[in-house]
Amino acid sequence: MKKILIATVKPFATAAIEQMKALLDEAGYEMLLLEKYEDKQALLDAVKDVDALVVRSDKVTEEVLNHAEKLKIVVRAGAGYDNIDLDAATKNNVVVMNTPGQNANAVAELVLGLMVMMARNKYNGKSGTELKGKTLGIHAYGNVGKNVARIAKGFEMNVVAYDPYVSSEIVECDGLKDYENVEDMYRDAQYISLHIPANEQTIKSINYDLLKLMPENAVLINTARKEIIDEDGLLKIMTERPDFKYISDIAPDKKEEFESRFADRIFFTPKKMGAQTAEANINAGVAAVKQIINFFEKNDLTYKLN
């Protein structure tokens, strides 16, 4: 009997665990649960003889993979996968997958919620502005970006996008203007919503030179990764421009400096909350288990990352 370990410091909802277990029971697999563990050793001990591993934001390092003697597949229940060492997984003949799209609507709703909050001055009683008629630029038009566009069009915003990996036909078919040059989009969009991954090409790519192009009353929304922001550049632009605002689902490394200097123009969620809905929690967990079953039963590699 194959053993499937669900290892999550931030546990899945009870309903998600129940559905995941039902699927694994039906497939004839044993589900093991490691929740709210406090040290790395607990994970190292738990992975030793399992065939598959499901994680959320948990770190799957080379050390973890080396301890997992029977492991064949790791699935990240969510879209981002920078918490998993892909090179080490490949060396250990372990397939890595994510569950793209399962959290997309949850993150997109948070984006618009943050935008409304900042447009209304964080509900401080003072007169704010409306989103209707404003231009929203979506930086990376993947699953989350598409959902942001769908919801923003309901606010009657002018929605545009930049993504060099998505064809213009796809973007324009959804009714958005597609930019070939990222600088041009930043010049035109009062609001920019970031949905790019953190990798060698994107780390600190959202920098001063790019942000200074944004028009008056610019608002930058980050529900991606903190590493993509050049924090020194962002501090510089916010110092020079009292109209510039930053809202994020990921607190920056220089959080205290941002808060002490620009308290009325920034907002950071207490912890990463984009996927923190009951629906997304269930969707991602169930999808992860289905992918594991299909991998073992059908050799399905649809969402393989390495």
C-alpha atoms as a PDB file:
ATOM      1  CA  MET A   1       0.000   0.000   0.000  1.00  0.00           C
ATOM      2  CA  LYS A   2       1.375   3.392  -1.012  1.00  0.00           C
ATOM      3  CA  LYS A   3       1.800   5.945   1.757  1.00  0.00           C
ATOM      4  CA  ILE A   4       0.863   9.574   1.083  1.00  0.00           C
ATOM      5  CA  LEU A   5       2.070  12.165   3.597  1.00  0.00           C
ATOM      6  CA  ILE A   6       0.207  15.451   4.020  1.00  0.00           C
ATOM      7  CA  ALA A   7       2.794  17.663   5.764  1.00  0.00           C
ATOM      8  CA  THR A   8       1.563  21.153   6.543  1.00  0.00           C
ATOM      9  CA  VAL A   9       2.617  23.632   9.211  1.00  0.00           C
ATOM     10  CA  LYS A  10      -0.521  25.553   8.165  1.00  0.00           C
ATOM     11  CA  PRO A  11      -3.122  22.753   8.181  1.00  0.00           C
ATOM     12  CA  PHE A  12      -5.738  22.187   5.536  1.00  0.00           C
ATOM     13  CA  ALA A  13      -9.345  22.765   6.537  1.00  0.00           C
ATOM     14  CA  THR A  14     -11.065  19.761   8.076  1.00  0.00           C
ATOM     15  CA  ALA A  15     -13.351  19.478   5.062  1.00  0.00           C
ATOM     16  CA  ALA A  16     -10.325  19.358   2.763  1.00  0.00           C
ATOM     17  CA  ILE A  17      -8.650  16.595   4.792  1.00  0.00           C
ATOM     18  CA  GLU A  18     -11.851  14.573   4.779  1.00  0.00           C
ATOM     19  CA  GLN A  19     -12.178  14.795   0.989  1.00  0.00           C
ATOM     20  CA  MET A  20      -8.485  14.043   0.451  1.00  0.00           C
ATOM     21  CA  LYS A  21      -8.669  10.975   2.692  1.00  0.00           C
ATOM     22  CA  ALA A  22     -11.792   9.721   0.931  1.00  0.00           C
ATOM     23  CA  LEU A  23     -10.035   9.907  -2.442  1.00  0.00           C
ATOM     24  CA  LEU A  24      -6.947   8.121  -1.125  1.00  0.00           C
ATOM     25  CA  ASP A  25      -9.003   5.437   0.620  1.00  0.00           C
ATOM     26  CA  GLU A  26     -10.869   4.770  -2.612  1.00  0.00           C
ATOM     27  CA  ALA A  27      -7.547   4.432  -4.461  1.00  0.00           C
ATOM     28  CA  GLY A  28      -6.257   2.015  -1.819  1.00  0.00           C
ATOM     29  CA  TYR A  29      -3.599   4.376  -0.466  1.00  0.00           C
ATOM     30  CA  GLU A  30      -2.775   5.198   3.155  1.00  0.00           C
ATOM     31  CA  MET A  31      -2.887   8.842   4.198  1.00  0.00           C
ATOM     32  CA  LEU A  32      -0.477  10.098   6.871  1.00  0.00           C
ATOM     33  CA  LEU A  33      -0.938  13.509   8.450  1.00  0.00           C
ATOM     34  CA  LEU A  34       1.723  15.819   9.880  1.00  0.00           C
ATOM     35  CA  GLU A  35       0.266  19.168  10.952  1.00  0.00           C
ATOM     36  CA  LYS A  36       1.574  22.198  12.846  1.00  0.00           C
ATOM     37  CA  TYR A  37       4.985  20.586  13.289  1.00  0.00           C
ATOM     38  CA  GLU A  38       7.459  22.794  15.119  1.00  0.00           C
ATOM     39  CA  ASP A  39      10.824  21.641  13.819  1.00  0.00           C
ATOM     40  CA  LYS A  40      12.459  20.273  10.699  1.00  0.00           C
ATOM     41  CA  GLN A  41      13.264  16.959  12.353  1.00  0.00           C
ATOM     42  CA  ALA A  42       9.572  16.079  12.533  1.00  0.00           C
ATOM     43  CA  LEU A  43       9.342  16.389   8.746  1.00  0.00           C
ATOM     44  CA  LEU A  44      12.599  14.487   8.199  1.00  0.00           C
ATOM     45  CA  ASP A  45      11.289  11.596  10.297  1.00  0.00           C
ATOM     46  CA  ALA A  46       7.890  11.606   8.613  1.00  0.00           C
ATOM     47  CA  VAL A  47       9.123  11.470   5.000  1.00  0.00           C
ATOM     48  CA  LYS A  48      11.468   8.526   5.487  1.00  0.00           C
ATOM     49  CA  ASP A  49       9.213   5.805   4.066  1.00  0.00           C
ATOM     50  CA  VAL A  50       6.438   7.613   2.159  1.00  0.00           C
ATOM     51  CA  ASP A  51       5.741   7.365  -1.565  1.00  0.00           C
ATOM     52  CA  ALA A  52       4.244  10.825  -2.035  1.00  0.00           C
ATOM     53  CA  LEU A  53       4.235  14.162  -0.245  1.00  0.00           C
ATOM     54  CA  VAL A  54       1.732  17.024  -0.259  1.00  0.00           C
ATOM     55  CA  VAL A  55       2.841  20.397   1.140  1.00  0.00           C
ATOM     56  CA  ARG A  56       1.633  23.955   1.203  1.00  0.00           C
ATOM     57  CA  SER A  57       4.324  26.541   2.022  1.00  0.00           C
ATOM     58  CA  ASP A  58       6.509  23.947   3.756  1.00  0.00           C
ATOM     59  CA  LYS A  59      10.173  23.849   2.724  1.00  0.00           C
ATOM     60  CA  VAL A  60      11.114  20.739   0.766  1.00  0.00           C
ATOM     61  CA  THR A  61      14.890  21.070   0.812  1.00  0.00           C
ATOM     62  CA  GLU A  62      17.680  18.818  -0.401  1.00  0.00           C
ATOM     63  CA  GLU A  63      17.981  17.481   3.139  1.00  0.00           C
ATOM     64  CA  VAL A  64      14.291  16.543   3.208  1.00  0.00           C
ATOM     65  CA  LEU A  65      14.513  14.872  -0.180  1.00  0.00           C
ATOM     66  CA  ASN A  66      17.629  12.919   0.820  1.00  0.00           C
ATOM     67  CA  HIS A  67      15.778  11.539   3.843  1.00  0.00           C
ATOM     68  CA  ALA A  68      12.808  10.428   1.720  1.00  0.00           C
ATOM     69  CA  GLU A  69      14.091   7.055   0.582  1.00  0.00           C
ATOM     70  CA  LYS A  70      10.921   5.916  -1.226  1.00  0.00           C
ATOM     71  CA  LEU A  71       9.555   9.284  -2.359  1.00  0.00           C
ATOM     72  CA  LYS A  72       8.421   9.494  -5.983  1.00  0.00           C
ATOM     73  CA  ILE A  73       6.362  12.698  -6.122  1.00  0.00           C
ATOM     74  CA  VAL A  74       5.894  15.976  -4.242  1.00  0.00           C
ATOM     75  CA  VAL A  75       2.849  18.146  -4.930  1.00  0.00           C
ATOM     76  CA  ARG A  76       2.670  21.732  -3.806  1.00  0.00           C
ATOM     77  CA  ALA A  77      -0.989  22.477  -3.052  1.00  0.00           C
ATOM     78  CA  GLY A  78      -0.959  25.896  -4.653  1.00  0.00           C
ATOM     79  CA  ALA A  79       0.630  27.709  -7.573  1.00  0.00           C
ATOM     80  CA  GLY A  80       3.993  28.969  -6.287  1.00  0.00           C
ATOM     81  CA  TYR A  81       6.688  26.346  -5.794  1.00  0.00           C
ATOM     82  CA  ASP A  82       9.817  28.242  -4.746  1.00  0.00           C
ATOM     83  CA  ASN A  83       9.659  26.389  -1.423  1.00  0.00           C
ATOM     84  CA  ILE A  84      10.720  23.184  -3.205  1.00  0.00           C
ATOM     85  CA  ASP A  85      14.285  22.481  -4.353  1.00  0.00           C
ATOM     86  CA  LEU A  86      13.632  21.365  -7.938  1.00  0.00           C
ATOM     87  CA  ASP A  87      17.259  20.499  -8.689  1.00  0.00           C
ATOM     88  CA  ALA A  88      17.531  18.289  -5.615  1.00  0.00           C
ATOM     89  CA  ALA A  89      14.231  16.645  -6.497  1.00  0.00           C
ATOM     90  CA  THR A  90      15.483  15.835  -9.976  1.00  0.00           C
ATOM     91  CA  LYS A  91      18.712  14.364  -8.561  1.00  0.00           C
ATOM     92  CA  ASN A  92      16.606  12.155  -6.294  1.00  0.00           C
ATOM     93  CA  ASN A  93      14.293  11.101  -9.167  1.00  0.00           C
ATOM     94  CA  VAL A  94      11.345  12.829  -7.516  1.00  0.00           C
ATOM     95  CA  VAL A  95       8.664  14.456  -9.657  1.00  0.00           C
ATOM     96  CA  VAL A  96       7.461  17.875  -8.461  1.00  0.00           C
ATOM     97  CA  MET A  97       4.052  19.290  -9.334  1.00  0.00           C
ATOM     98  CA  ASN A  98       1.910  22.246  -8.311  1.00  0.00           C
ATOM     99  CA  THR A  99      -1.855  22.777  -8.583  1.00  0.00           C
ATOM    100  CA  PRO A 100      -2.207  25.848 -10.813  1.00  0.00           C
ATOM    101  CA  GLY A 101      -5.515  27.656 -10.858  1.00  0.00           C
ATOM    102  CA  GLN A 102      -6.974  26.174  -7.702  1.00  0.00           C
ATOM    103  CA  ASN A 103      -6.287  29.323  -5.655  1.00  0.00           C
ATOM    104  CA  ALA A 104      -6.672  31.781  -8.517  1.00  0.00           C
ATOM    105  CA  ASN A 105     -10.099  33.189  -7.724  1.00  0.00           C
ATOM    106  CA  ALA A 106      -9.263  33.562  -4.029  1.00  0.00           C
ATOM    107  CA  VAL A 107      -6.127  35.569  -4.801  1.00  0.00           C
ATOM    108  CA  ALA A 108      -7.938  37.660  -7.413  1.00  0.00           C
ATOM    109  CA  GLU A 109     -10.705  38.582  -4.987  1.00  0.00           C
ATOM    110  CA  LEU A 110      -8.061  39.668  -2.466  1.00  0.00           C
ATOM    111  CA  VAL A 111      -6.435  41.899  -5.105  1.00  0.00           C
ATOM    112  CA  LEU A 112      -9.663  43.778  -5.726  1.00  0.00           C
ATOM    113  CA  GLY A 113     -10.426  43.914  -2.005  1.00  0.00           C
ATOM    114  CA  LEU A 114      -7.058  45.513  -1.316  1.00  0.00           C
ATOM    115  CA  MET A 115      -7.585  47.967  -4.153  1.00  0.00           C
ATOM    116  CA  VAL A 116     -10.978  49.061  -2.850  1.00  0.00           C
ATOM    117  CA  MET A 117      -9.570  49.455   0.660  1.00  0.00           C
ATOM    118  CA  MET A 118      -6.714  51.672  -0.519  1.00  0.00           C
ATOM    119  CA  ALA A 119      -8.935  53.681  -2.869  1.00  0.00           C
ATOM    120  CA  ARG A 120     -11.071  54.469   0.191  1.00  0.00           C
ATOM    121  CA  ASN A 121      -8.024  55.464   2.260  1.00  0.00           C
ATOM    122  CA  LYS A 122      -8.211  52.330   4.390  1.00  0.00           C
ATOM    123  CA  TYR A 123     -11.670  53.410   5.544  1.00  0.00           C
ATOM    124  CA  ASN A 124     -10.324  56.273   7.659  1.00  0.00           C
ATOM    125  CA  GLY A 125     -13.435  58.410   7.154  1.00  0.00           C
ATOM    126  CA  LYS A 126     -11.925  60.692   4.515  1.00  0.00           C
ATOM    127  CA  SER A 127     -13.146  60.989   0.948  1.00  0.00           C
ATOM    128  CA  GLY A 128     -11.608  58.433  -1.412  1.00  0.00           C
ATOM    129  CA  THR A 129     -11.721  57.579  -5.107  1.00  0.00           C
ATOM    130  CA  GLU A 130     -13.478  55.016  -7.279  1.00  0.00           C
ATOM    131  CA  LEU A 131     -11.989  52.199  -9.341  1.00  0.00           C
ATOM    132  CA  LYS A 132     -14.422  52.720 -12.222  1.00  0.00           C
ATOM    133  CA  GLY A 133     -12.669  54.154 -15.259  1.00  0.00           C
ATOM    134  CA  LYS A 134      -9.163  53.652 -13.875  1.00  0.00           C
ATOM    135  CA  THR A 135      -6.565  51.614 -15.771  1.00  0.00           C
ATOM    136  CA  LEU A 136      -5.364  48.375 -14.178  1.00  0.00           C
ATOM    137  CA  GLY A 137      -2.238  46.755 -15.577  1.00  0.00           C
ATOM    138  CA  ILE A 138      -1.823  43.041 -14.941  1.00  0.00           C
ATOM    139  CA  HIS A 139       1.825  42.012 -14.861  1.00  0.00           C
ATOM    140  CA  ALA A 140       1.707  38.316 -15.865  1.00  0.00           C
ATOM    141  CA  TYR A 141      -1.493  36.995 -17.368  1.00  0.00           C
ATOM    142  CA  GLY A 142      -1.755  33.511 -15.881  1.00  0.00           C
ATOM    143  CA  ASN A 143      -4.564  31.932 -13.888  1.00  0.00           C
ATOM    144  CA  VAL A 144      -4.632  34.620 -11.214  1.00  0.00           C
ATOM    145  CA  GLY A 145      -4.192  37.452 -13.708  1.00  0.00           C
ATOM    146  CA  LYS A 146      -7.137  36.222 -15.763  1.00  0.00           C
ATOM    147  CA  ASN A 147      -9.362  36.151 -12.696  1.00  0.00           C
ATOM    148  CA  VAL A 148      -8.225  39.635 -11.671  1.00  0.00           C
ATOM    149  CA  ALA A 149      -9.171  40.869 -15.147  1.00  0.00           C
ATOM    150  CA  ARG A 150     -12.592  39.204 -14.966  1.00  0.00           C
ATOM    151  CA  ILE A 151     -13.440  40.822 -11.633  1.00  0.00           C
ATOM    152  CA  ALA A 152     -11.921  44.226 -12.477  1.00  0.00           C
ATOM    153  CA  LYS A 153     -14.022  44.452 -15.631  1.00  0.00           C
ATOM    154  CA  GLY A 154     -17.045  44.120 -13.361  1.00  0.00           C
ATOM    155  CA  PHE A 155     -15.847  47.334 -11.682  1.00  0.00           C
ATOM    156  CA  GLU A 156     -15.736  48.873 -15.186  1.00  0.00           C
ATOM    157  CA  MET A 157     -11.991  49.356 -15.017  1.00  0.00           C
ATOM    158  CA  ASN A 158      -9.883  49.605 -18.141  1.00  0.00           C
ATOM    159  CA  VAL A 159      -7.831  46.391 -17.901  1.00  0.00           C
ATOM    160  CA  VAL A 160      -4.539  45.871 -19.763  1.00  0.00           C
ATOM    161  CA  ALA A 161      -1.828  43.224 -19.498  1.00  0.00           C
ATOM    162  CA  TYR A 162       1.802  42.350 -20.112  1.00  0.00           C
ATOM    163  CA  ASP A 163       3.072  38.789 -20.331  1.00  0.00           C
ATOM    164  CA  PRO A 164       5.791  37.801 -22.823  1.00  0.00           C
ATOM    165  CA  TYR A 165       4.862  34.133 -22.375  1.00  0.00           C
ATOM    166  CA  VAL A 166       1.183  34.519 -23.307  1.00  0.00           C
ATOM    167  CA  SER A 167       0.129  35.199 -26.898  1.00  0.00           C
ATOM    168  CA  SER A 168      -1.556  38.468 -27.797  1.00  0.00           C
ATOM    169  CA  GLU A 169      -4.476  36.497 -29.204  1.00  0.00           C
ATOM    170  CA  ILE A 170      -5.304  35.075 -25.785  1.00  0.00           C
ATOM    171  CA  VAL A 171      -5.095  38.448 -24.027  1.00  0.00           C
ATOM    172  CA  GLU A 172      -7.030  40.319 -26.689  1.00  0.00           C
ATOM    173  CA  CYS A 173      -9.663  37.590 -26.911  1.00  0.00           C
ATOM    174  CA  ASP A 174     -10.412  38.347 -23.254  1.00  0.00           C
ATOM    175  CA  GLY A 175     -10.976  41.989 -24.165  1.00  0.00           C
ATOM    176  CA  LEU A 176      -7.688  43.390 -22.823  1.00  0.00           C
ATOM    177  CA  LYS A 177      -5.038  45.504 -24.489  1.00  0.00           C
ATOM    178  CA  ASP A 178      -1.819  43.506 -24.713  1.00  0.00           C
ATOM    179  CA  TYR A 179       1.504  45.302 -24.283  1.00  0.00           C
ATOM    180  CA  GLU A 180       4.687  44.152 -25.975  1.00  0.00           C
ATOM    181  CA  ASN A 181       6.793  46.373 -23.725  1.00  0.00           C
ATOM    182  CA  VAL A 182       6.439  46.320 -19.929  1.00  0.00           C
ATOM    183  CA  GLU A 183       7.578  49.936 -19.589  1.00  0.00           C
ATOM    184  CA  ASP A 184       4.699  51.110 -21.769  1.00  0.00           C
ATOM    185  CA  MET A 185       2.173  49.370 -19.535  1.00  0.00           C
ATOM    186  CA  TYR A 186       3.632  50.962 -16.409  1.00  0.00           C
ATOM    187  CA  ARG A 187       3.382  54.389 -18.052  1.00  0.00           C
ATOM    188  CA  ASP A 188      -0.309  53.900 -18.766  1.00  0.00           C
ATOM    189  CA  ALA A 189      -1.627  52.078 -15.681  1.00  0.00           C
ATOM    190  CA  GLN A 190      -2.493  53.841 -12.431  1.00  0.00           C
ATOM    191  CA  TYR A 191      -2.899  50.427 -10.804  1.00  0.00           C
ATOM    192  CA  ILE A 192      -0.444  47.555 -11.352  1.00  0.00           C
ATOM    193  CA  SER A 193      -1.167  44.062 -10.021  1.00  0.00           C
ATOM    194  CA  LEU A 194       1.854  41.749  -9.836  1.00  0.00           C
ATOM    195  CA  HIS A 195       1.542  38.020 -10.559  1.00  0.00           C
ATOM    196  CA  ILE A 196       5.063  37.043 -11.612  1.00  0.00           C
ATOM    197  CA  PRO A 197       7.023  34.200  -9.962  1.00  0.00           C
ATOM    198  CA  ALA A 198      10.250  34.709  -8.067  1.00  0.00           C
ATOM    199  CA  ASN A 199      13.174  33.430 -10.139  1.00  0.00           C
ATOM    200  CA  GLU A 200      16.558  34.589 -11.402  1.00  0.00           C
ATOM    201  CA  GLN A 201      14.956  36.806 -14.041  1.00  0.00           C
ATOM    202  CA  THR A 202      12.342  38.430 -11.811  1.00  0.00           C
ATOM    203  CA  ILE A 203      13.973  38.916  -8.396  1.00  0.00           C
ATOM    204  CA  LYS A 204      14.124  42.691  -7.717  1.00  0.00           C
ATOM    205  CA  SER A 205      12.817  43.333 -11.237  1.00  0.00           C
ATOM    206  CA  ILE A 206      10.110  45.668  -9.918  1.00  0.00           C
ATOM    207  CA  ASN A 207      12.557  48.480  -9.396  1.00  0.00           C
ATOM    208  CA  TYR A 208      12.824  52.260  -9.247  1.00  0.00           C
ATOM    209  CA  ASP A 209      13.296  52.719 -12.990  1.00  0.00           C
ATOM    210  CA  LEU A 210      10.085  50.822 -13.681  1.00  0.00           C
ATOM    211  CA  LEU A 211       7.985  52.297 -10.878  1.00  0.00           C
ATOM    212  CA  LYS A 212       8.910  55.901 -11.651  1.00  0.00           C
ATOM    213  CA  LEU A 213       7.095  55.501 -14.992  1.00  0.00           C
ATOM    214  CA  MET A 214       3.709  55.040 -13.324  1.00  0.00           C
ATOM    215  CA  PRO A 215       1.273  57.964 -13.587  1.00  0.00           C
ATOM    216  CA  GLU A 216       0.049  60.189 -10.778  1.00  0.00           C
ATOM    217  CA  ASN A 217      -1.711  58.463  -7.856  1.00  0.00           C
ATOM    218  CA  ALA A 218      -0.051  55.156  -8.687  1.00  0.00           C
ATOM    219  CA  VAL A 219      -0.938  52.049  -6.702  1.00  0.00           C
ATOM    220  CA  LEU A 220       1.202  48.883  -6.766  1.00  0.00           C
ATOM    221  CA  ILE A 221      -0.443  45.636  -5.617  1.00  0.00           C
ATOM    222  CA  ASN A 222       1.706  42.594  -4.842  1.00  0.00           C
ATOM    223  CA  THR A 223       0.123  39.208  -4.177  1.00  0.00           C
ATOM    224  CA  ALA A 224       3.053  37.326  -5.722  1.00  0.00           C
ATOM    225  CA  ARG A 225       6.384  37.167  -3.860  1.00  0.00           C
ATOM    226  CA  LYS A 226       8.278  39.781  -1.847  1.00  0.00           C
ATOM    227  CA  GLU A 227      11.541  38.909  -3.620  1.00  0.00           C
ATOM    228  CA  ILE A 228      10.371  40.437  -6.909  1.00  0.00           C
ATOM    229  CA  ILE A 229      10.389  43.902  -5.326  1.00  0.00           C
ATOM    230  CA  ASP A 230      13.550  46.007  -5.179  1.00  0.00           C
ATOM    231  CA  GLU A 231      12.728  47.411  -1.745  1.00  0.00           C
ATOM    232  CA  ASP A 232      15.331  50.179  -1.906  1.00  0.00           C
ATOM    233  CA  GLY A 233      13.884  51.307  -5.203  1.00  0.00           C
ATOM    234  CA  LEU A 234      10.343  51.217  -3.813  1.00  0.00           C
ATOM    235  CA  LEU A 235      11.404  53.237  -0.765  1.00  0.00           C
ATOM    236  CA  LYS A 236      13.017  55.777  -3.078  1.00  0.00           C
ATOM    237  CA  ILE A 237       9.957  56.237  -5.270  1.00  0.00           C
ATOM    238  CA  MET A 238       7.676  56.535  -2.234  1.00  0.00           C
ATOM    239  CA  THR A 239      10.019  59.158  -0.776  1.00  0.00           C
ATOM    240  CA  GLU A 240      10.013  61.179  -3.983  1.00  0.00           C
ATOM    241  CA  ARG A 241       6.312  60.773  -4.719  1.00  0.00           C
ATOM    242  CA  PRO A 242       3.765  61.346  -1.934  1.00  0.00           C
ATOM    243  CA  ASP A 243       1.072  60.096  -4.324  1.00  0.00           C
ATOM    244  CA  PHE A 244       2.557  56.576  -4.615  1.00  0.00           C
ATOM    245  CA  LYS A 245       0.905  53.703  -2.668  1.00  0.00           C
ATOM    246  CA  TYR A 246       1.912  50.087  -2.076  1.00  0.00           C
ATOM    247  CA  ILE A 247      -0.323  47.265  -0.883  1.00  0.00           C
ATOM    248  CA  SER A 248       0.895  43.734  -0.483  1.00  0.00           C
ATOM    249  CA  ASP A 249      -0.047  40.251   0.636  1.00  0.00           C
ATOM    250  CA  ILE A 250       3.599  39.745   1.599  1.00  0.00           C
ATOM    251  CA  ALA A 251       5.271  42.016   4.142  1.00  0.00           C
ATOM    252  CA  PRO A 252       8.643  43.281   2.847  1.00  0.00           C
ATOM    253  CA  ASP A 253      11.915  42.715   4.646  1.00  0.00           C
ATOM    254  CA  LYS A 254      11.978  46.429   5.454  1.00  0.00           C
ATOM    255  CA  LYS A 255       8.456  46.387   6.826  1.00  0.00           C
ATOM    256  CA  GLU A 256       9.225  48.585   9.839  1.00  0.00           C
ATOM    257  CA  GLU A 257      10.772  51.302   7.676  1.00  0.00           C
ATOM    258  CA  PHE A 258       7.808  51.328   5.306  1.00  0.00           C
ATOM    259  CA  GLU A 259       5.373  51.501   8.204  1.00  0.00           C
ATOM    260  CA  SER A 260       7.235  54.241  10.070  1.00  0.00           C
ATOM    261  CA  ARG A 261       7.638  56.445   7.000  1.00  0.00           C
ATOM    262  CA  PHE A 262       4.561  55.791   4.877  1.00  0.00           C
ATOM    263  CA  ALA A 263       1.893  54.444   7.223  1.00  0.00           C
ATOM    264  CA  ASP A 264      -0.997  56.083   5.370  1.00  0.00           C
ATOM    265  CA  ARG A 265       0.182  54.847   1.953  1.00  0.00           C
ATOM    266  CA  ILE A 266       0.982  51.190   2.600  1.00  0.00           C
ATOM    267  CA  PHE A 267      -0.813  48.093   3.811  1.00  0.00           C
ATOM    268  CA  PHE A 268       0.513  44.570   4.415  1.00  0.00           C
ATOM    269  CA  THR A 269      -1.622  41.604   5.395  1.00  0.00           C
ATOM    270  CA  PRO A 270      -0.570  39.992   8.717  1.00  0.00           C
ATOM    271  CA  LYS A 271       0.422  36.842   6.818  1.00  0.00           C
ATOM    272  CA  LYS A 272       0.120  35.652   3.221  1.00  0.00           C
ATOM    273  CA  MET A 273      -3.633  35.386   2.776  1.00  0.00           C
ATOM    274  CA  GLY A 274      -4.245  35.165  -0.971  1.00  0.00           C
ATOM    275  CA  ALA A 275      -5.222  31.503  -0.858  1.00  0.00           C
ATOM    276  CA  GLN A 276      -6.733  31.636   2.616  1.00  0.00           C
ATOM    277  CA  THR A 277     -10.341  30.807   1.765  1.00  0.00           C
ATOM    278  CA  ALA A 278     -12.250  27.653   2.580  1.00  0.00           C
ATOM    279  CA  GLU A 279     -12.907  27.043  -1.099  1.00  0.00           C
ATOM    280  CA  ALA A 280      -9.291  27.465  -2.247  1.00  0.00           C
ATOM    281  CA  ASN A 281      -8.053  25.345   0.638  1.00  0.00           C
ATOM    282  CA  ILE A 282     -10.285  22.454  -0.387  1.00  0.00           C
ATOM    283  CA  ASN A 283      -9.673  22.890  -4.121  1.00  0.00           C
ATOM    284  CA  ALA A 284      -5.877  22.828  -3.816  1.00  0.00           C
ATOM    285  CA  GLY A 285      -5.772  19.871  -1.436  1.00  0.00           C
ATOM    286  CA  VAL A 286      -8.158  17.754  -3.472  1.00  0.00           C
ATOM    287  CA  ALA A 287      -6.336  18.614  -6.708  1.00  0.00           C
ATOM    288  CA  ALA A 288      -2.995  17.603  -5.157  1.00  0.00           C
ATOM    289  CA  VAL A 289      -4.333  14.195  -4.147  1.00  0.00           C
ATOM    290  CA  LYS A 290      -5.951  13.601  -7.544  1.00  0.00           C
ATOM    291  CA  GLN A 291      -2.659  14.410  -9.266  1.00  0.00           C
ATOM    292  CA  ILE A 292      -0.821  11.926  -7.068  1.00  0.00           C
ATOM    293  CA  ILE A 293      -3.332   9.184  -7.823  1.00  0.00           C
ATOM    294  CA  ASN A 294      -3.186   9.918 -11.554  1.00  0.00           C
ATOM    295  CA  PHE A 295       0.607   9.928 -11.427  1.00  0.00           C
ATOM    296  CA  PHE A 296       0.779   6.449  -9.892  1.00  0.00           C
ATOM    297  CA  GLU A 297      -2.158   4.930 -11.776  1.00  0.00           C
ATOM    298  CA  LYS A 298      -1.792   6.580 -15.198  1.00  0.00           C
ATOM    299  CA  ASN A 299       1.752   8.021 -15.208  1.00  0.00           C
ATOM    300  CA  ASP A 300       0.102  11.440 -15.675  1.00  0.00           C
ATOM    301  CA  LEU A 301       2.801  14.143 -15.682  1.00  0.00           C
ATOM    302  CA  THR A 302       0.574  17.050 -16.689  1.00  0.00           C
ATOM    303  CA  TYR A 303       1.749  19.477 -14.002  1.00  0.00           C
ATOM    304  CA  LYS A 304       5.361  18.319 -13.718  1.00  0.00           C
ATOM    305  CA  LEU A 305       7.741  21.193 -12.938  1.00  0.00           C
ATOM    306  CA  ASN A 306      11.199  19.570 -13.012  1.00  0.00           C
END
